[in-house]
Amino acid sequence: MTVPTYRAGTGPQPDPWPATARAAVDDLFRLHAVDLVRFALMLVGDQSTAEDVVQDAFLGLYRAWDRIRDPDAVLGYLRTAVVNGTRSVHRSRGRARLLRVQHDPPVWSAEAAVMDGEDRRAVLAAIATLPRRQREVLALKYYLDLSERDVAAIMRVSRGTVAAASSRALAALARRLREDQ
């Protein structure tokens, strides 16, 4: 991600972020952007929206860099920002439906559709039918391999809520996958 240092017609402007912030966020982007996009893809259903959500999360990190107290918590911040960004996408899609604006349903990208064949596509399709909270719990818990405690912190809910949502989601997935066989 390149930070512009000037505006057309105004001459050089001071760099809005310190070099250490740019270097740190650039390193985080190189290490985690692809995984975060895949995570967001599971929640929103299309590649371009997932990329936008992740880009917004990193931009927010750039803007808040001077307020970060615990550099070890930055990845958690990014994950939380991605979850919140996907929620915003779903809210805006819901508002669009209420306004009777035709909105294309989420479509899995070609990359996601080819991931591992029929079984994986069936699982992704079944996950897409789950309620938002259950999708988020499964993605955080099983895709990102986070503990229930970490999932609860990111989603700002109790561990019991995470456990219940996970259990319900797995039961619903099992039923749907059995029905599809």
N, C-alpha and C. Protein backbone atom coordinates (compact mmCIF):
# COMPACT_ATOMS: atom_id res chain seq x y z
N MET A 1 0.86 -1.16 0.00
CA MET A 1 0.00 0.00 0.00
C MET A 1 0.91 1.22 0.00
N THR A 2 0.75 2.09 -0.95
CA THR A 2 1.57 3.28 -1.07
C THR A 2 0.83 4.48 -0.52
N VAL A 3 1.53 5.27 0.28
CA VAL A 3 0.93 6.46 0.86
C VAL A 3 1.36 7.65 0.03
N PRO A 4 0.41 8.40 -0.55
CA PRO A 4 0.80 9.56 -1.35
C PRO A 4 1.41 10.62 -0.44
N THR A 5 2.47 11.28 -0.95
CA THR A 5 3.13 12.31 -0.15
C THR A 5 2.88 13.70 -0.71
N TYR A 6 2.08 13.82 -1.76
CA TYR A 6 1.76 15.15 -2.30
C TYR A 6 0.39 15.12 -2.92
N ARG A 7 -0.16 16.30 -3.09
CA ARG A 7 -1.44 16.44 -3.78
C ARG A 7 -1.18 17.26 -5.03
N ALA A 8 -1.83 16.93 -6.10
CA ALA A 8 -1.61 17.62 -7.37
C ALA A 8 -1.82 19.12 -7.20
N GLY A 9 -0.85 19.89 -7.66
CA GLY A 9 -0.96 21.34 -7.66
C GLY A 9 -0.59 22.01 -6.36
N THR A 10 -0.32 21.25 -5.30
CA THR A 10 -0.02 21.89 -4.03
C THR A 10 1.44 21.71 -3.61
N GLY A 11 2.20 20.96 -4.35
CA GLY A 11 3.60 20.72 -3.99
C GLY A 11 3.72 19.64 -2.94
N PRO A 12 4.94 19.36 -2.50
CA PRO A 12 5.15 18.30 -1.52
C PRO A 12 4.42 18.58 -0.20
N GLN A 13 3.86 17.55 0.35
CA GLN A 13 3.17 17.63 1.63
C GLN A 13 3.91 16.73 2.62
N PRO A 14 3.82 17.02 3.90
CA PRO A 14 4.45 16.13 4.87
C PRO A 14 3.77 14.76 4.86
N ASP A 15 4.55 13.72 5.07
CA ASP A 15 4.03 12.36 5.12
C ASP A 15 3.14 12.23 6.36
N PRO A 16 1.86 11.81 6.19
CA PRO A 16 0.95 11.76 7.34
C PRO A 16 1.29 10.66 8.34
N TRP A 17 2.08 9.66 7.96
CA TRP A 17 2.41 8.58 8.88
C TRP A 17 3.92 8.44 9.02
N PRO A 18 4.36 8.13 10.22
CA PRO A 18 5.80 7.91 10.39
C PRO A 18 6.27 6.68 9.62
N ALA A 19 7.54 6.69 9.26
CA ALA A 19 8.09 5.57 8.48
C ALA A 19 7.94 4.25 9.22
N THR A 20 8.05 4.26 10.55
CA THR A 20 7.92 3.01 11.30
C THR A 20 6.51 2.44 11.18
N ALA A 21 5.51 3.32 11.18
CA ALA A 21 4.13 2.84 11.02
C ALA A 21 3.93 2.24 9.64
N ARG A 22 4.41 2.94 8.62
CA ARG A 22 4.27 2.40 7.26
C ARG A 22 4.95 1.05 7.14
N ALA A 23 6.17 0.94 7.65
CA ALA A 23 6.91 -0.32 7.55
C ALA A 23 6.20 -1.44 8.30
N ALA A 24 5.72 -1.15 9.51
CA ALA A 24 5.05 -2.17 10.31
C ALA A 24 3.75 -2.64 9.65
N VAL A 25 2.95 -1.71 9.17
CA VAL A 25 1.67 -2.08 8.55
C VAL A 25 1.92 -2.77 7.21
N ASP A 26 2.93 -2.32 6.47
CA ASP A 26 3.28 -3.00 5.22
C ASP A 26 3.68 -4.44 5.49
N ASP A 27 4.48 -4.67 6.54
CA ASP A 27 4.88 -6.04 6.90
C ASP A 27 3.65 -6.87 7.28
N LEU A 28 2.77 -6.30 8.08
CA LEU A 28 1.54 -7.01 8.45
C LEU A 28 0.70 -7.33 7.22
N PHE A 29 0.63 -6.39 6.29
CA PHE A 29 -0.13 -6.62 5.06
C PHE A 29 0.46 -7.80 4.29
N ARG A 30 1.77 -7.81 4.11
CA ARG A 30 2.40 -8.91 3.38
C ARG A 30 2.18 -10.25 4.06
N LEU A 31 2.19 -10.26 5.38
CA LEU A 31 2.06 -11.52 6.12
C LEU A 31 0.61 -12.02 6.22
N HIS A 32 -0.36 -11.10 6.33
CA HIS A 32 -1.70 -11.53 6.71
C HIS A 32 -2.81 -11.16 5.73
N ALA A 33 -2.56 -10.36 4.74
CA ALA A 33 -3.64 -9.88 3.86
C ALA A 33 -4.35 -11.03 3.15
N VAL A 34 -3.60 -11.97 2.61
CA VAL A 34 -4.23 -13.06 1.85
C VAL A 34 -5.15 -13.88 2.75
N ASP A 35 -4.68 -14.21 3.96
CA ASP A 35 -5.52 -14.97 4.88
C ASP A 35 -6.75 -14.17 5.31
N LEU A 36 -6.58 -12.88 5.54
CA LEU A 36 -7.71 -12.05 5.92
C LEU A 36 -8.73 -11.93 4.79
N VAL A 37 -8.26 -11.86 3.55
CA VAL A 37 -9.19 -11.81 2.41
C VAL A 37 -9.96 -13.13 2.32
N ARG A 38 -9.28 -14.23 2.49
CA ARG A 38 -9.97 -15.54 2.46
C ARG A 38 -11.00 -15.63 3.56
N PHE A 39 -10.63 -15.14 4.75
CA PHE A 39 -11.55 -15.12 5.89
C PHE A 39 -12.77 -14.25 5.56
N ALA A 40 -12.54 -13.06 5.04
CA ALA A 40 -13.64 -12.16 4.67
C ALA A 40 -14.49 -12.77 3.57
N LEU A 41 -13.87 -13.47 2.64
CA LEU A 41 -14.59 -14.12 1.55
C LEU A 41 -15.61 -15.12 2.10
N MET A 42 -15.23 -15.83 3.15
CA MET A 42 -16.16 -16.79 3.75
C MET A 42 -17.38 -16.08 4.34
N LEU A 43 -17.19 -14.83 4.75
CA LEU A 43 -18.28 -14.11 5.41
C LEU A 43 -19.14 -13.30 4.44
N VAL A 44 -18.56 -12.79 3.36
CA VAL A 44 -19.34 -11.95 2.45
C VAL A 44 -19.68 -12.62 1.13
N GLY A 45 -18.91 -13.61 0.72
CA GLY A 45 -19.28 -14.39 -0.46
C GLY A 45 -18.75 -13.92 -1.79
N ASP A 46 -18.07 -12.78 -1.87
CA ASP A 46 -17.47 -12.41 -3.15
C ASP A 46 -16.11 -11.76 -2.92
N GLN A 47 -15.22 -12.04 -3.85
CA GLN A 47 -13.81 -11.67 -3.74
C GLN A 47 -13.60 -10.17 -3.64
N SER A 48 -14.22 -9.40 -4.50
CA SER A 48 -13.94 -7.96 -4.52
C SER A 48 -14.41 -7.29 -3.23
N THR A 49 -15.54 -7.69 -2.69
CA THR A 49 -16.01 -7.12 -1.44
C THR A 49 -15.09 -7.53 -0.30
N ALA A 50 -14.64 -8.78 -0.30
CA ALA A 50 -13.71 -9.24 0.73
C ALA A 50 -12.42 -8.43 0.70
N GLU A 51 -11.91 -8.18 -0.50
CA GLU A 51 -10.69 -7.38 -0.63
C GLU A 51 -10.92 -5.95 -0.13
N ASP A 52 -12.08 -5.38 -0.43
CA ASP A 52 -12.40 -4.03 0.04
C ASP A 52 -12.45 -3.97 1.57
N VAL A 53 -13.06 -4.98 2.17
CA VAL A 53 -13.17 -5.03 3.63
C VAL A 53 -11.78 -5.08 4.26
N VAL A 54 -10.92 -5.93 3.72
CA VAL A 54 -9.57 -6.05 4.27
C VAL A 54 -8.77 -4.77 4.04
N GLN A 55 -8.91 -4.18 2.89
CA GLN A 55 -8.22 -2.91 2.62
C GLN A 55 -8.67 -1.84 3.61
N ASP A 56 -9.96 -1.77 3.88
CA ASP A 56 -10.47 -0.80 4.86
C ASP A 56 -9.91 -1.07 6.25
N ALA A 57 -9.76 -2.36 6.61
CA ALA A 57 -9.20 -2.70 7.92
C ALA A 57 -7.76 -2.21 8.03
N PHE A 58 -6.97 -2.42 6.98
CA PHE A 58 -5.57 -1.96 7.01
C PHE A 58 -5.49 -0.43 6.99
N LEU A 59 -6.38 0.21 6.27
CA LEU A 59 -6.40 1.67 6.27
C LEU A 59 -6.74 2.20 7.66
N GLY A 60 -7.69 1.56 8.32
CA GLY A 60 -8.02 1.93 9.69
C GLY A 60 -6.83 1.75 10.62
N LEU A 61 -6.06 0.68 10.40
CA LEU A 61 -4.87 0.45 11.21
C LEU A 61 -3.85 1.56 10.98
N TYR A 62 -3.65 1.95 9.73
CA TYR A 62 -2.75 3.07 9.43
C TYR A 62 -3.18 4.33 10.19
N ARG A 63 -4.46 4.61 10.11
CA ARG A 63 -4.96 5.84 10.72
C ARG A 63 -4.86 5.82 12.24
N ALA A 64 -4.99 4.64 12.84
CA ALA A 64 -4.98 4.53 14.30
C ALA A 64 -3.61 4.15 14.87
N TRP A 65 -2.60 4.10 14.03
CA TRP A 65 -1.31 3.57 14.46
C TRP A 65 -0.76 4.29 15.69
N ASP A 66 -0.91 5.59 15.77
CA ASP A 66 -0.34 6.34 16.91
C ASP A 66 -1.10 6.06 18.21
N ARG A 67 -2.26 5.45 18.15
CA ARG A 67 -3.03 5.12 19.35
C ARG A 67 -2.86 3.67 19.79
N ILE A 68 -2.06 2.90 19.08
CA ILE A 68 -1.88 1.49 19.41
C ILE A 68 -0.94 1.38 20.60
N ARG A 69 -1.43 0.69 21.63
CA ARG A 69 -0.64 0.53 22.85
C ARG A 69 0.06 -0.82 22.91
N ASP A 70 -0.56 -1.84 22.31
CA ASP A 70 0.00 -3.19 22.37
C ASP A 70 0.20 -3.71 20.95
N PRO A 71 1.44 -3.62 20.43
CA PRO A 71 1.68 -4.08 19.05
C PRO A 71 1.35 -5.55 18.83
N ASP A 72 1.36 -6.36 19.90
CA ASP A 72 1.03 -7.78 19.75
C ASP A 72 -0.46 -8.00 19.50
N ALA A 73 -1.28 -6.99 19.78
CA ALA A 73 -2.72 -7.12 19.61
C ALA A 73 -3.19 -6.64 18.24
N VAL A 74 -2.27 -6.24 17.37
CA VAL A 74 -2.65 -5.65 16.09
C VAL A 74 -3.37 -6.65 15.19
N LEU A 75 -2.94 -7.90 15.17
CA LEU A 75 -3.62 -8.90 14.33
C LEU A 75 -5.05 -9.10 14.81
N GLY A 76 -5.27 -9.11 16.11
CA GLY A 76 -6.63 -9.19 16.65
C GLY A 76 -7.46 -7.99 16.24
N TYR A 77 -6.84 -6.81 16.25
CA TYR A 77 -7.53 -5.60 15.79
C TYR A 77 -7.96 -5.77 14.33
N LEU A 78 -7.06 -6.27 13.50
CA LEU A 78 -7.39 -6.44 12.08
C LEU A 78 -8.52 -7.45 11.90
N ARG A 79 -8.48 -8.56 12.63
CA ARG A 79 -9.54 -9.56 12.53
C ARG A 79 -10.88 -8.98 12.95
N THR A 80 -10.87 -8.22 14.04
CA THR A 80 -12.10 -7.58 14.51
C THR A 80 -12.61 -6.59 13.47
N ALA A 81 -11.69 -5.83 12.88
CA ALA A 81 -12.08 -4.86 11.85
C ALA A 81 -12.69 -5.56 10.64
N VAL A 82 -12.15 -6.72 10.27
CA VAL A 82 -12.69 -7.48 9.14
C VAL A 82 -14.10 -7.99 9.48
N VAL A 83 -14.28 -8.53 10.67
CA VAL A 83 -15.62 -8.99 11.07
C VAL A 83 -16.60 -7.82 11.05
N ASN A 84 -16.21 -6.70 11.62
CA ASN A 84 -17.10 -5.53 11.62
C ASN A 84 -17.36 -5.03 10.21
N GLY A 85 -16.36 -5.05 9.36
CA GLY A 85 -16.54 -4.64 7.97
C GLY A 85 -17.51 -5.53 7.22
N THR A 86 -17.42 -6.84 7.46
CA THR A 86 -18.36 -7.76 6.79
C THR A 86 -19.77 -7.55 7.31
N ARG A 87 -19.89 -7.22 8.61
CA ARG A 87 -21.22 -6.93 9.15
C ARG A 87 -21.81 -5.69 8.46
N SER A 88 -20.97 -4.70 8.24
CA SER A 88 -21.43 -3.48 7.54
C SER A 88 -21.90 -3.80 6.13
N VAL A 89 -21.17 -4.69 5.47
CA VAL A 89 -21.57 -5.10 4.12
C VAL A 89 -22.95 -5.75 4.16
N HIS A 90 -23.16 -6.65 5.12
CA HIS A 90 -24.46 -7.32 5.21
C HIS A 90 -25.57 -6.34 5.57
N ARG A 91 -25.28 -5.36 6.44
CA ARG A 91 -26.28 -4.35 6.76
C ARG A 91 -26.66 -3.55 5.52
N SER A 92 -25.65 -3.15 4.75
CA SER A 92 -25.96 -2.36 3.55
C SER A 92 -26.70 -3.20 2.52
N ARG A 93 -26.38 -4.48 2.42
CA ARG A 93 -27.13 -5.35 1.53
C ARG A 93 -28.57 -5.50 1.99
N GLY A 94 -28.76 -5.58 3.31
CA GLY A 94 -30.11 -5.67 3.86
C GLY A 94 -30.92 -4.42 3.58
N ARG A 95 -30.27 -3.24 3.74
CA ARG A 95 -30.96 -1.99 3.43
C ARG A 95 -31.32 -1.93 1.95
N ALA A 96 -30.44 -2.42 1.11
CA ALA A 96 -30.72 -2.42 -0.33
C ALA A 96 -31.93 -3.29 -0.63
N ARG A 97 -32.05 -4.43 0.04
CA ARG A 97 -33.22 -5.29 -0.17
C ARG A 97 -34.49 -4.61 0.31
N LEU A 98 -34.39 -3.91 1.43
CA LEU A 98 -35.57 -3.20 1.95
C LEU A 98 -36.04 -2.11 1.00
N LEU A 99 -35.11 -1.50 0.30
CA LEU A 99 -35.47 -0.46 -0.66
C LEU A 99 -35.90 -1.03 -2.00
N ARG A 100 -35.98 -2.35 -2.06
CA ARG A 100 -36.37 -3.07 -3.26
C ARG A 100 -35.42 -2.82 -4.43
N VAL A 101 -34.19 -2.58 -4.08
CA VAL A 101 -33.17 -2.45 -5.11
C VAL A 101 -32.67 -3.85 -5.42
N GLN A 102 -32.65 -4.19 -6.69
CA GLN A 102 -32.15 -5.50 -7.05
C GLN A 102 -30.67 -5.57 -6.72
N HIS A 103 -30.31 -6.55 -5.93
CA HIS A 103 -28.91 -6.74 -5.54
C HIS A 103 -28.54 -8.19 -5.82
N ASP A 104 -27.47 -8.37 -6.54
CA ASP A 104 -27.05 -9.73 -6.84
C ASP A 104 -26.66 -10.43 -5.55
N PRO A 105 -27.07 -11.68 -5.39
CA PRO A 105 -26.66 -12.42 -4.19
C PRO A 105 -25.15 -12.66 -4.23
N PRO A 106 -24.54 -12.88 -3.07
CA PRO A 106 -23.10 -13.14 -3.07
C PRO A 106 -22.77 -14.34 -3.94
N VAL A 107 -21.69 -14.26 -4.67
CA VAL A 107 -21.26 -15.33 -5.56
C VAL A 107 -19.83 -15.71 -5.17
N TRP A 108 -19.59 -16.96 -5.02
CA TRP A 108 -18.24 -17.41 -4.70
C TRP A 108 -17.36 -17.15 -5.91
N SER A 109 -16.17 -16.69 -5.66
CA SER A 109 -15.24 -16.40 -6.75
C SER A 109 -14.78 -17.70 -7.40
N ALA A 110 -14.18 -17.56 -8.58
CA ALA A 110 -13.66 -18.73 -9.28
C ALA A 110 -12.59 -19.40 -8.43
N GLU A 111 -11.75 -18.59 -7.76
CA GLU A 111 -10.69 -19.14 -6.91
C GLU A 111 -11.30 -19.98 -5.78
N ALA A 112 -12.35 -19.44 -5.15
CA ALA A 112 -12.98 -20.16 -4.05
C ALA A 112 -13.68 -21.42 -4.55
N ALA A 113 -14.28 -21.35 -5.74
CA ALA A 113 -15.01 -22.49 -6.28
C ALA A 113 -14.10 -23.64 -6.67
N VAL A 114 -12.84 -23.33 -6.96
CA VAL A 114 -11.92 -24.36 -7.42
C VAL A 114 -11.08 -24.91 -6.27
N MET A 115 -11.23 -24.38 -5.09
CA MET A 115 -10.32 -24.67 -3.98
C MET A 115 -9.99 -26.15 -3.84
N ASP A 116 -10.94 -26.99 -3.70
CA ASP A 116 -10.63 -28.40 -3.54
C ASP A 116 -11.67 -29.34 -4.12
N GLY A 117 -12.52 -28.88 -4.96
CA GLY A 117 -13.47 -29.79 -5.58
C GLY A 117 -14.87 -29.72 -4.99
N GLU A 118 -15.64 -30.72 -5.33
CA GLU A 118 -17.07 -30.78 -4.98
C GLU A 118 -17.34 -30.69 -3.49
N ASP A 119 -16.60 -31.44 -2.67
CA ASP A 119 -16.88 -31.45 -1.24
C ASP A 119 -16.73 -30.06 -0.64
N ARG A 120 -15.67 -29.38 -0.99
CA ARG A 120 -15.43 -28.05 -0.43
C ARG A 120 -16.50 -27.07 -0.91
N ARG A 121 -16.90 -27.17 -2.17
CA ARG A 121 -17.96 -26.28 -2.67
C ARG A 121 -19.27 -26.53 -1.93
N ALA A 122 -19.56 -27.79 -1.66
CA ALA A 122 -20.79 -28.12 -0.94
C ALA A 122 -20.75 -27.54 0.48
N VAL A 123 -19.61 -27.64 1.13
CA VAL A 123 -19.47 -27.08 2.48
C VAL A 123 -19.60 -25.56 2.44
N LEU A 124 -18.93 -24.91 1.49
CA LEU A 124 -19.02 -23.44 1.40
C LEU A 124 -20.46 -23.00 1.11
N ALA A 125 -21.15 -23.73 0.25
CA ALA A 125 -22.54 -23.39 -0.05
C ALA A 125 -23.41 -23.56 1.19
N ALA A 126 -23.17 -24.61 1.96
CA ALA A 126 -23.93 -24.83 3.19
C ALA A 126 -23.62 -23.75 4.22
N ILE A 127 -22.35 -23.35 4.33
CA ILE A 127 -21.97 -22.28 5.27
C ILE A 127 -22.66 -20.98 4.89
N ALA A 128 -22.77 -20.71 3.60
CA ALA A 128 -23.39 -19.46 3.14
C ALA A 128 -24.86 -19.36 3.55
N THR A 129 -25.50 -20.49 3.84
CA THR A 129 -26.91 -20.46 4.23
C THR A 129 -27.09 -20.25 5.73
N LEU A 130 -26.02 -20.31 6.49
CA LEU A 130 -26.11 -20.15 7.95
C LEU A 130 -26.35 -18.68 8.32
N PRO A 131 -26.92 -18.45 9.48
CA PRO A 131 -27.04 -17.07 9.96
C PRO A 131 -25.66 -16.44 10.15
N ARG A 132 -25.61 -15.11 10.10
CA ARG A 132 -24.35 -14.37 10.14
C ARG A 132 -23.48 -14.76 11.33
N ARG A 133 -24.02 -14.78 12.53
CA ARG A 133 -23.21 -15.08 13.72
C ARG A 133 -22.60 -16.47 13.63
N GLN A 134 -23.37 -17.44 13.16
CA GLN A 134 -22.85 -18.80 13.05
C GLN A 134 -21.73 -18.87 12.02
N ARG A 135 -21.89 -18.16 10.88
CA ARG A 135 -20.81 -18.12 9.87
C ARG A 135 -19.55 -17.52 10.46
N GLU A 136 -19.71 -16.42 11.19
CA GLU A 136 -18.56 -15.74 11.78
C GLU A 136 -17.84 -16.65 12.77
N VAL A 137 -18.60 -17.33 13.63
CA VAL A 137 -18.00 -18.22 14.62
C VAL A 137 -17.23 -19.34 13.93
N LEU A 138 -17.84 -19.97 12.93
CA LEU A 138 -17.14 -21.06 12.24
C LEU A 138 -15.87 -20.57 11.54
N ALA A 139 -15.96 -19.42 10.88
CA ALA A 139 -14.79 -18.90 10.18
C ALA A 139 -13.67 -18.57 11.15
N LEU A 140 -13.99 -17.92 12.26
CA LEU A 140 -12.96 -17.57 13.24
C LEU A 140 -12.40 -18.81 13.92
N LYS A 141 -13.28 -19.72 14.29
CA LYS A 141 -12.86 -20.88 15.08
C LYS A 141 -12.12 -21.93 14.24
N TYR A 142 -12.66 -22.24 13.08
CA TYR A 142 -12.08 -23.34 12.31
C TYR A 142 -11.19 -22.88 11.17
N TYR A 143 -11.50 -21.78 10.53
CA TYR A 143 -10.64 -21.32 9.44
C TYR A 143 -9.40 -20.62 9.98
N LEU A 144 -9.59 -19.74 10.97
CA LEU A 144 -8.44 -19.06 11.55
C LEU A 144 -7.86 -19.81 12.74
N ASP A 145 -8.51 -20.90 13.15
CA ASP A 145 -8.03 -21.77 14.22
C ASP A 145 -7.86 -21.00 15.53
N LEU A 146 -8.85 -20.19 15.88
CA LEU A 146 -8.80 -19.42 17.11
C LEU A 146 -9.55 -20.15 18.22
N SER A 147 -9.15 -19.89 19.45
CA SER A 147 -9.85 -20.48 20.59
C SER A 147 -11.19 -19.80 20.78
N GLU A 148 -12.07 -20.45 21.56
CA GLU A 148 -13.38 -19.84 21.83
C GLU A 148 -13.20 -18.51 22.54
N ARG A 149 -12.20 -18.41 23.39
CA ARG A 149 -11.92 -17.16 24.11
C ARG A 149 -11.57 -16.04 23.12
N ASP A 150 -10.71 -16.36 22.15
CA ASP A 150 -10.32 -15.36 21.16
C ASP A 150 -11.50 -14.97 20.26
N VAL A 151 -12.29 -15.96 19.87
CA VAL A 151 -13.47 -15.69 19.04
C VAL A 151 -14.43 -14.78 19.80
N ALA A 152 -14.65 -15.08 21.08
CA ALA A 152 -15.54 -14.27 21.90
C ALA A 152 -15.04 -12.82 22.00
N ALA A 153 -13.73 -12.66 22.14
CA ALA A 153 -13.17 -11.30 22.24
C ALA A 153 -13.35 -10.54 20.93
N ILE A 154 -13.11 -11.20 19.81
CA ILE A 154 -13.24 -10.53 18.51
C ILE A 154 -14.69 -10.15 18.23
N MET A 155 -15.60 -11.06 18.56
CA MET A 155 -17.02 -10.81 18.28
C MET A 155 -17.71 -10.01 19.39
N ARG A 156 -17.00 -9.84 20.51
CA ARG A 156 -17.55 -9.11 21.67
C ARG A 156 -18.81 -9.78 22.21
N VAL A 157 -18.71 -11.09 22.38
CA VAL A 157 -19.79 -11.88 22.99
C VAL A 157 -19.16 -12.79 24.03
N SER A 158 -19.99 -13.52 24.77
CA SER A 158 -19.45 -14.44 25.79
C SER A 158 -18.96 -15.74 25.13
N ARG A 159 -18.12 -16.47 25.89
CA ARG A 159 -17.64 -17.77 25.39
C ARG A 159 -18.81 -18.73 25.21
N GLY A 160 -19.81 -18.63 26.08
CA GLY A 160 -20.99 -19.49 25.95
C GLY A 160 -21.75 -19.24 24.66
N THR A 161 -21.82 -17.99 24.26
CA THR A 161 -22.47 -17.64 23.00
C THR A 161 -21.71 -18.25 21.84
N VAL A 162 -20.38 -18.20 21.90
CA VAL A 162 -19.55 -18.79 20.86
C VAL A 162 -19.77 -20.30 20.80
N ALA A 163 -19.76 -20.95 21.97
CA ALA A 163 -19.95 -22.40 22.01
C ALA A 163 -21.32 -22.79 21.47
N ALA A 164 -22.35 -22.05 21.86
CA ALA A 164 -23.70 -22.37 21.39
C ALA A 164 -23.83 -22.14 19.89
N ALA A 165 -23.31 -21.03 19.40
CA ALA A 165 -23.39 -20.75 17.96
C ALA A 165 -22.62 -21.79 17.16
N SER A 166 -21.47 -22.19 17.67
CA SER A 166 -20.67 -23.20 16.99
C SER A 166 -21.41 -24.53 16.93
N SER A 167 -21.99 -24.94 18.04
CA SER A 167 -22.72 -26.21 18.10
C SER A 167 -23.91 -26.20 17.14
N ARG A 168 -24.67 -25.10 17.15
CA ARG A 168 -25.83 -25.00 16.26
C ARG A 168 -25.40 -25.00 14.79
N ALA A 169 -24.32 -24.28 14.51
CA ALA A 169 -23.83 -24.21 13.13
C ALA A 169 -23.39 -25.57 12.63
N LEU A 170 -22.64 -26.29 13.44
CA LEU A 170 -22.16 -27.62 13.02
C LEU A 170 -23.33 -28.58 12.82
N ALA A 171 -24.32 -28.51 13.70
CA ALA A 171 -25.49 -29.38 13.54
C ALA A 171 -26.25 -29.03 12.26
N ALA A 172 -26.42 -27.75 11.99
CA ALA A 172 -27.12 -27.33 10.77
C ALA A 172 -26.34 -27.74 9.53
N LEU A 173 -25.01 -27.60 9.57
CA LEU A 173 -24.18 -28.02 8.43
C LEU A 173 -24.30 -29.52 8.19
N ALA A 174 -24.27 -30.29 9.26
CA ALA A 174 -24.38 -31.75 9.12
C ALA A 174 -25.71 -32.12 8.47
N ARG A 175 -26.80 -31.47 8.93
CA ARG A 175 -28.12 -31.76 8.34
C ARG A 175 -28.13 -31.39 6.84
N ARG A 176 -27.64 -30.22 6.50
CA ARG A 176 -27.67 -29.77 5.11
C ARG A 176 -26.81 -30.66 4.21
N LEU A 177 -25.66 -31.04 4.71
CA LEU A 177 -24.76 -31.87 3.90
C LEU A 177 -25.33 -33.27 3.72
N ARG A 178 -26.01 -33.80 4.75
CA ARG A 178 -26.67 -35.12 4.62
C ARG A 178 -27.79 -35.04 3.60
N GLU A 179 -28.54 -33.93 3.61
CA GLU A 179 -29.65 -33.74 2.67
C GLU A 179 -29.16 -33.68 1.24
N ASP A 180 -27.97 -33.11 1.04
CA ASP A 180 -27.43 -32.94 -0.31
C ASP A 180 -26.85 -34.24 -0.89
N GLN A 181 -26.66 -35.24 -0.06
CA GLN A 181 -26.04 -36.48 -0.57
C GLN A 181 -27.00 -37.32 -1.32
